[in-house]
Amino acid sequence: MQANRKTSWNVTDYVRIVPSAGLTNQDVDDVYQLVCRTDFSSPGFCLLNFLGDAWSEMLRQFMVSLKRRLQAVHQSRRRLDLVFLSAARFDQQTTTKLHRDGGPDECFLMLGYEPSEVRSEVILADYSRCARDMQITPSEFLEQHNPMFGPGAELLRPYATRVEGFSNDAAQVLLINNSVAALSEDRTTWQGLLHTATVHNPCDDKRRVVNSMMVASVLPGTAEPVSPVEQDKFITTTIVRRRGYDRQHLTDDQ
């Protein structure tokens, strides 16, 4: 899918730098505003580039820490909580269509990409804004025009942004609003995007490791499905899931 440059976000709208000293509280607040949007004045995503090297375990530690800091912002702004719904590592080398990753009405993805010889690109489509313009809800858009199963991708072409600055040469973190909530009159509900990855040179002998987390907005007091022990294991594990429905011949890295 090609993005329509006339309606795409500029790279400066969504790319942020992680200094060697880490993100300040103001930086974290900025990331929250970019990703956890409740209208269409923000992109709904953010790409974080590291000034220094970020090896695998450091990258995952950063992601877990960032979730906790975003959680504090969310608690202050919405009087709600954030919880991990999942945390896993994948060798993702399959080109996908525009899709949503499931999950509750309000959630976002935090994807930590490790350096790789496998080249890829990511396109994000603002299906929530498209639904608003069509005077339907995001859920109704997916029911009627899901680009996974029909020609909905053409409807989304004017709402698509190719993520500039996305690179296989260095570690990066991409946060994507994955919500399906309807736009509320009081502008409090998160507005989500669909995403697609195109993998240019897949190879079974190489790895394209994606450290994947789903984070949901929940009522205070909701138990976190991914326990602190499991979060620690996510940070330190060497396991990478490789076997999938289209890669049945592969075994997971241990």
Foldseek 3Di string as FASTA:
>chain_A
DDADVVQADDLVQAEDEAEPVGDDLVRLVSQCCQQQFLDVPHPNKHKYHYPDAQDQLNLLVNVVVSQVSNQVVCCVPPVWGKFWPDWAKAQDQDWAWWDFPDDAQWKKKKKKWAAWPWDKWKKKFQLQVLCVVVVHFLVVCCVPQNRRPDDNVVSRRNRMYTNPPDTNHGIMIMMFTRHRDGNDPVSDHGGGITMTMDTDDDDPVIGTMMTMIMMGIGHPPDDHPQDPVNSVCSSPPPWYQYDDPVRPVDHIDD
